[in-house]
Amino acid sequence: MQLPPLARGDILPPLRIDCNYIKLIAAMNESPNDARVTARIPISVKATLQQAADLTGATLNQFLVQAALKEAHRILEAEQTIKLSEQDAERVFNLIENPPEPNQRLKEAFSRHKDFWQ
C-alpha cells in the first residue's frame, strides 16, 4: 500500500504506525473528501485562528483540520500507551517470563469461565 504524498502543512504520522493508522489512511484514499465539520465560534476566536493559519501558510480550513488531527493523535497516543518506569517494566517482564502459580480464586474464575462457554 502506498501512502499519500505529504503536502505543505500536513502533519507527519507518528513514528510508531499501528494497524488502525494504516486503515485510516486507506479509508481516506478510498473515500472522497466530502465529510464536513462545522462549529459556531466568536469572531475573535476566528480572527485568532485565521492569523495563525496565515502565519503557517495554510488556509483556515487546512489549519483547523491539521490542529484538530494533531490533538486527536496526541490524545489517542496518550490513551493507548502505557508508560512504565524502568523498575516497573522489569517487574512486568519478570512476571511474564516467570508467572506465579495460579491461586485458588484464579482457578475458580477459570473454571467458571470454562463452564460458561460450554
N, C-alpha and C. Protein backbone atom coordinates (compact mmCIF):
# COMPACT_ATOMS: atom_id res chain seq x y z
N MET A 1 0.84 -1.18 0.00
CA MET A 1 0.00 0.00 0.00
C MET A 1 0.89 1.24 0.00
N GLN A 2 0.54 2.20 -0.81
CA GLN A 2 1.33 3.41 -0.90
C GLN A 2 0.61 4.52 -0.14
N LEU A 3 1.35 5.21 0.75
CA LEU A 3 0.78 6.32 1.50
C LEU A 3 0.70 7.54 0.62
N PRO A 4 -0.29 8.42 0.86
CA PRO A 4 -0.39 9.61 0.03
C PRO A 4 0.80 10.54 0.28
N PRO A 5 1.19 11.32 -0.73
CA PRO A 5 2.31 12.23 -0.53
C PRO A 5 1.93 13.33 0.46
N LEU A 6 2.93 13.84 1.17
CA LEU A 6 2.68 14.91 2.13
C LEU A 6 2.64 16.24 1.41
N ALA A 7 1.71 17.07 1.80
CA ALA A 7 1.61 18.41 1.25
C ALA A 7 2.03 19.40 2.33
N ARG A 8 2.29 20.62 1.93
CA ARG A 8 2.70 21.64 2.90
C ARG A 8 1.62 21.78 3.97
N GLY A 9 2.04 21.75 5.21
CA GLY A 9 1.09 21.90 6.31
C GLY A 9 0.57 20.58 6.84
N ASP A 10 0.87 19.46 6.16
CA ASP A 10 0.43 18.15 6.65
C ASP A 10 1.19 17.80 7.92
N ILE A 11 0.55 17.03 8.75
CA ILE A 11 1.19 16.55 9.97
C ILE A 11 1.84 15.21 9.64
N LEU A 12 3.08 15.06 10.03
CA LEU A 12 3.75 13.78 9.82
C LEU A 12 3.15 12.74 10.74
N PRO A 13 2.98 11.51 10.26
CA PRO A 13 2.43 10.46 11.12
C PRO A 13 3.39 10.13 12.24
N PRO A 14 2.89 9.58 13.34
CA PRO A 14 3.79 9.19 14.42
C PRO A 14 4.79 8.15 13.95
N LEU A 15 5.92 8.09 14.60
CA LEU A 15 6.96 7.15 14.23
C LEU A 15 6.47 5.72 14.33
N ARG A 16 5.69 5.44 15.38
CA ARG A 16 5.13 4.10 15.58
C ARG A 16 3.78 4.07 14.86
N ILE A 17 3.71 3.34 13.76
CA ILE A 17 2.48 3.26 12.99
C ILE A 17 1.79 1.95 13.33
N ASP A 18 0.54 2.04 13.77
CA ASP A 18 -0.19 0.82 14.07
C ASP A 18 -1.19 0.53 12.97
N CYS A 19 -1.83 -0.61 13.05
CA CYS A 19 -2.78 -1.05 12.02
C CYS A 19 -3.93 -0.08 11.87
N ASN A 20 -4.40 0.51 12.97
CA ASN A 20 -5.52 1.44 12.88
C ASN A 20 -5.15 2.65 12.04
N TYR A 21 -3.90 3.14 12.17
CA TYR A 21 -3.47 4.28 11.39
C TYR A 21 -3.43 3.92 9.91
N ILE A 22 -2.92 2.74 9.60
CA ILE A 22 -2.86 2.31 8.20
C ILE A 22 -4.26 2.17 7.63
N LYS A 23 -5.19 1.62 8.42
CA LYS A 23 -6.58 1.51 7.97
C LYS A 23 -7.19 2.88 7.73
N LEU A 24 -6.85 3.86 8.59
CA LEU A 24 -7.37 5.22 8.43
C LEU A 24 -6.86 5.82 7.12
N ILE A 25 -5.57 5.68 6.84
CA ILE A 25 -5.01 6.20 5.60
C ILE A 25 -5.68 5.55 4.39
N ALA A 26 -5.88 4.23 4.45
CA ALA A 26 -6.52 3.52 3.35
C ALA A 26 -7.94 4.02 3.16
N ALA A 27 -8.65 4.22 4.25
CA ALA A 27 -10.03 4.71 4.16
C ALA A 27 -10.07 6.12 3.58
N MET A 28 -9.07 6.93 3.94
CA MET A 28 -9.02 8.30 3.40
C MET A 28 -8.81 8.28 1.90
N ASN A 29 -8.03 7.31 1.39
CA ASN A 29 -7.77 7.21 -0.04
C ASN A 29 -8.99 6.71 -0.80
N GLU A 30 -9.83 5.92 -0.15
CA GLU A 30 -10.96 5.30 -0.83
C GLU A 30 -12.19 6.20 -0.86
N SER A 31 -12.28 7.15 0.06
CA SER A 31 -13.49 7.98 0.10
C SER A 31 -13.14 9.42 -0.25
N PRO A 32 -14.08 10.10 -0.90
CA PRO A 32 -13.83 11.49 -1.27
C PRO A 32 -13.82 12.37 -0.01
N ASN A 33 -13.20 13.54 -0.15
CA ASN A 33 -13.14 14.48 0.97
C ASN A 33 -14.43 15.31 1.01
N ASP A 34 -15.53 14.64 1.32
CA ASP A 34 -16.79 15.37 1.36
C ASP A 34 -17.43 15.40 2.75
N ALA A 35 -16.73 14.88 3.75
CA ALA A 35 -17.25 14.95 5.11
C ALA A 35 -17.05 16.37 5.64
N ARG A 36 -18.02 16.84 6.40
CA ARG A 36 -17.95 18.21 6.90
C ARG A 36 -18.03 18.23 8.41
N VAL A 37 -17.36 19.21 8.99
CA VAL A 37 -17.45 19.50 10.40
C VAL A 37 -17.68 21.00 10.50
N THR A 38 -18.67 21.40 11.28
CA THR A 38 -18.94 22.82 11.43
C THR A 38 -18.92 23.20 12.90
N ALA A 39 -18.62 24.45 13.15
CA ALA A 39 -18.61 24.95 14.52
C ALA A 39 -18.95 26.44 14.51
N ARG A 40 -19.72 26.85 15.47
CA ARG A 40 -20.00 28.28 15.64
C ARG A 40 -19.05 28.80 16.69
N ILE A 41 -18.30 29.84 16.32
CA ILE A 41 -17.30 30.40 17.22
C ILE A 41 -17.39 31.92 17.22
N PRO A 42 -16.95 32.55 18.29
CA PRO A 42 -16.93 34.02 18.31
C PRO A 42 -15.98 34.57 17.24
N ILE A 43 -16.28 35.77 16.79
CA ILE A 43 -15.46 36.40 15.76
C ILE A 43 -14.00 36.52 16.20
N SER A 44 -13.79 36.81 17.49
CA SER A 44 -12.41 36.96 17.98
C SER A 44 -11.64 35.64 17.88
N VAL A 45 -12.30 34.53 18.11
CA VAL A 45 -11.66 33.23 18.00
C VAL A 45 -11.31 32.95 16.55
N LYS A 46 -12.25 33.26 15.65
CA LYS A 46 -11.97 33.05 14.22
C LYS A 46 -10.80 33.91 13.77
N ALA A 47 -10.74 35.14 14.26
CA ALA A 47 -9.64 36.03 13.87
C ALA A 47 -8.30 35.48 14.35
N THR A 48 -8.27 34.95 15.55
CA THR A 48 -7.03 34.35 16.08
C THR A 48 -6.63 33.14 15.26
N LEU A 49 -7.60 32.27 14.95
CA LEU A 49 -7.31 31.09 14.14
C LEU A 49 -6.84 31.48 12.75
N GLN A 50 -7.48 32.49 12.15
CA GLN A 50 -7.10 32.94 10.82
C GLN A 50 -5.68 33.50 10.83
N GLN A 51 -5.34 34.26 11.88
CA GLN A 51 -3.99 34.82 11.99
C GLN A 51 -2.95 33.70 12.07
N ALA A 52 -3.23 32.69 12.86
CA ALA A 52 -2.31 31.55 12.98
C ALA A 52 -2.21 30.80 11.66
N ALA A 53 -3.34 30.61 10.99
CA ALA A 53 -3.32 29.93 9.69
C ALA A 53 -2.49 30.71 8.69
N ASP A 54 -2.66 32.02 8.67
CA ASP A 54 -1.89 32.86 7.74
C ASP A 54 -0.39 32.74 8.01
N LEU A 55 -0.01 32.68 9.28
CA LEU A 55 1.41 32.58 9.62
C LEU A 55 2.02 31.26 9.18
N THR A 56 1.20 30.21 9.10
CA THR A 56 1.72 28.90 8.67
C THR A 56 1.60 28.70 7.16
N GLY A 57 0.93 29.61 6.48
CA GLY A 57 0.75 29.48 5.04
C GLY A 57 -0.38 28.54 4.65
N ALA A 58 -1.24 28.23 5.59
CA ALA A 58 -2.36 27.33 5.32
C ALA A 58 -3.66 28.12 5.25
N THR A 59 -4.65 27.52 4.61
CA THR A 59 -5.98 28.12 4.68
C THR A 59 -6.53 27.88 6.08
N LEU A 60 -7.58 28.60 6.42
CA LEU A 60 -8.19 28.41 7.74
C LEU A 60 -8.67 26.97 7.88
N ASN A 61 -9.29 26.43 6.85
CA ASN A 61 -9.78 25.05 6.90
C ASN A 61 -8.63 24.06 7.08
N GLN A 62 -7.56 24.23 6.32
CA GLN A 62 -6.39 23.34 6.46
C GLN A 62 -5.82 23.44 7.87
N PHE A 63 -5.72 24.65 8.39
CA PHE A 63 -5.17 24.85 9.73
C PHE A 63 -6.03 24.17 10.79
N LEU A 64 -7.35 24.32 10.68
CA LEU A 64 -8.24 23.71 11.66
C LEU A 64 -8.15 22.18 11.63
N VAL A 65 -8.14 21.61 10.44
CA VAL A 65 -8.05 20.15 10.31
C VAL A 65 -6.71 19.67 10.86
N GLN A 66 -5.63 20.36 10.51
CA GLN A 66 -4.30 19.97 10.97
C GLN A 66 -4.22 20.05 12.49
N ALA A 67 -4.70 21.14 13.08
CA ALA A 67 -4.63 21.30 14.53
C ALA A 67 -5.50 20.27 15.24
N ALA A 68 -6.69 20.02 14.72
CA ALA A 68 -7.58 19.04 15.35
C ALA A 68 -7.00 17.63 15.23
N LEU A 69 -6.44 17.31 14.07
CA LEU A 69 -5.85 15.98 13.87
C LEU A 69 -4.62 15.78 14.76
N LYS A 70 -3.82 16.82 14.89
CA LYS A 70 -2.65 16.75 15.76
C LYS A 70 -3.07 16.48 17.20
N GLU A 71 -4.10 17.18 17.67
CA GLU A 71 -4.58 16.97 19.04
C GLU A 71 -5.23 15.59 19.18
N ALA A 72 -5.94 15.14 18.17
CA ALA A 72 -6.55 13.81 18.22
C ALA A 72 -5.47 12.74 18.32
N HIS A 73 -4.41 12.87 17.54
CA HIS A 73 -3.30 11.91 17.59
C HIS A 73 -2.65 11.92 18.97
N ARG A 74 -2.46 13.12 19.54
CA ARG A 74 -1.86 13.23 20.86
C ARG A 74 -2.71 12.52 21.91
N ILE A 75 -4.01 12.74 21.87
CA ILE A 75 -4.92 12.11 22.83
C ILE A 75 -4.93 10.59 22.65
N LEU A 76 -5.03 10.13 21.41
CA LEU A 76 -5.05 8.69 21.16
C LEU A 76 -3.75 8.04 21.60
N GLU A 77 -2.64 8.68 21.32
CA GLU A 77 -1.34 8.14 21.72
C GLU A 77 -1.26 8.05 23.25
N ALA A 78 -1.72 9.10 23.92
CA ALA A 78 -1.66 9.11 25.39
C ALA A 78 -2.56 8.03 25.98
N GLU A 79 -3.70 7.78 25.35
CA GLU A 79 -4.64 6.80 25.88
C GLU A 79 -4.26 5.37 25.52
N GLN A 80 -3.47 5.18 24.48
CA GLN A 80 -3.14 3.84 24.02
C GLN A 80 -1.73 3.41 24.41
N THR A 81 -1.02 4.25 25.14
CA THR A 81 0.35 3.95 25.52
C THR A 81 0.44 3.82 27.03
N ILE A 82 1.08 2.79 27.48
CA ILE A 82 1.34 2.62 28.91
C ILE A 82 2.80 2.96 29.13
N LYS A 83 3.05 3.91 30.01
CA LYS A 83 4.42 4.31 30.30
C LYS A 83 4.80 3.77 31.67
N LEU A 84 5.86 3.00 31.69
CA LEU A 84 6.34 2.39 32.94
C LEU A 84 7.74 2.88 33.25
N SER A 85 8.04 2.95 34.53
CA SER A 85 9.41 3.23 34.93
C SER A 85 10.24 2.00 34.58
N GLU A 86 11.54 2.16 34.60
CA GLU A 86 12.41 1.02 34.30
C GLU A 86 12.17 -0.12 35.29
N GLN A 87 11.97 0.24 36.55
CA GLN A 87 11.73 -0.77 37.59
C GLN A 87 10.41 -1.50 37.35
N ASP A 88 9.35 -0.75 37.01
CA ASP A 88 8.06 -1.37 36.75
C ASP A 88 8.10 -2.24 35.50
N ALA A 89 8.79 -1.78 34.46
CA ALA A 89 8.90 -2.57 33.23
C ALA A 89 9.63 -3.87 33.51
N GLU A 90 10.68 -3.80 34.31
CA GLU A 90 11.43 -5.00 34.67
C GLU A 90 10.54 -5.99 35.41
N ARG A 91 9.69 -5.46 36.30
CA ARG A 91 8.79 -6.34 37.05
C ARG A 91 7.79 -7.02 36.12
N VAL A 92 7.21 -6.24 35.18
CA VAL A 92 6.26 -6.81 34.23
C VAL A 92 6.91 -7.91 33.41
N PHE A 93 8.10 -7.64 32.87
CA PHE A 93 8.79 -8.66 32.07
C PHE A 93 9.11 -9.90 32.90
N ASN A 94 9.51 -9.68 34.13
CA ASN A 94 9.81 -10.80 35.01
C ASN A 94 8.57 -11.65 35.27
N LEU A 95 7.42 -11.00 35.48
CA LEU A 95 6.18 -11.74 35.70
C LEU A 95 5.74 -12.50 34.45
N ILE A 96 6.00 -11.92 33.28
CA ILE A 96 5.66 -12.60 32.03
C ILE A 96 6.54 -13.84 31.85
N GLU A 97 7.82 -13.66 32.12
CA GLU A 97 8.76 -14.77 31.94
C GLU A 97 8.64 -15.83 33.03
N ASN A 98 8.25 -15.42 34.23
CA ASN A 98 8.16 -16.33 35.38
C ASN A 98 6.83 -16.11 36.10
N PRO A 99 5.72 -16.52 35.47
CA PRO A 99 4.42 -16.25 36.10
C PRO A 99 4.27 -17.04 37.41
N PRO A 100 3.59 -16.43 38.39
CA PRO A 100 3.37 -17.15 39.65
C PRO A 100 2.33 -18.26 39.43
N GLU A 101 2.31 -19.20 40.33
CA GLU A 101 1.29 -20.26 40.28
C GLU A 101 -0.08 -19.63 40.50
N PRO A 102 -1.11 -20.10 39.79
CA PRO A 102 -2.45 -19.54 39.99
C PRO A 102 -2.94 -19.83 41.41
N ASN A 103 -3.55 -18.81 42.03
CA ASN A 103 -4.12 -19.03 43.36
C ASN A 103 -5.53 -19.62 43.22
N GLN A 104 -6.16 -19.89 44.32
CA GLN A 104 -7.47 -20.55 44.31
C GLN A 104 -8.53 -19.70 43.61
N ARG A 105 -8.52 -18.41 43.87
CA ARG A 105 -9.53 -17.54 43.23
C ARG A 105 -9.39 -17.54 41.71
N LEU A 106 -8.15 -17.53 41.21
CA LEU A 106 -7.94 -17.56 39.77
C LEU A 106 -8.41 -18.89 39.18
N LYS A 107 -8.14 -19.99 39.88
CA LYS A 107 -8.58 -21.30 39.42
C LYS A 107 -10.10 -21.36 39.37
N GLU A 108 -10.77 -20.81 40.37
CA GLU A 108 -12.24 -20.79 40.39
C GLU A 108 -12.78 -19.94 39.25
N ALA A 109 -12.17 -18.80 39.02
CA ALA A 109 -12.60 -17.92 37.93
C ALA A 109 -12.43 -18.62 36.58
N PHE A 110 -11.33 -19.30 36.39
CA PHE A 110 -11.10 -20.02 35.15
C PHE A 110 -12.15 -21.11 34.97
N SER A 111 -12.48 -21.80 36.05
CA SER A 111 -13.48 -22.86 36.00
C SER A 111 -14.85 -22.30 35.62
N ARG A 112 -15.21 -21.16 36.22
CA ARG A 112 -16.50 -20.52 35.89
C ARG A 112 -16.52 -20.09 34.42
N HIS A 113 -15.42 -19.55 33.98
CA HIS A 113 -15.32 -19.09 32.58
C HIS A 113 -15.46 -20.29 31.64
N LYS A 114 -14.77 -21.36 31.95
CA LYS A 114 -14.81 -22.57 31.14
C LYS A 114 -16.23 -23.15 31.10
N ASP A 115 -16.88 -23.19 32.29
CA ASP A 115 -18.25 -23.71 32.38
C ASP A 115 -19.22 -22.83 31.59
N PHE A 116 -19.00 -21.52 31.62
CA PHE A 116 -19.89 -20.57 30.95
C PHE A 116 -19.90 -20.81 29.45
N TRP A 117 -18.75 -21.10 28.87
CA TRP A 117 -18.64 -21.25 27.42
C TRP A 117 -18.91 -22.66 26.92
N GLN A 118 -19.25 -23.59 27.81
CA GLN A 118 -19.56 -24.96 27.37
C GLN A 118 -21.04 -25.14 27.22
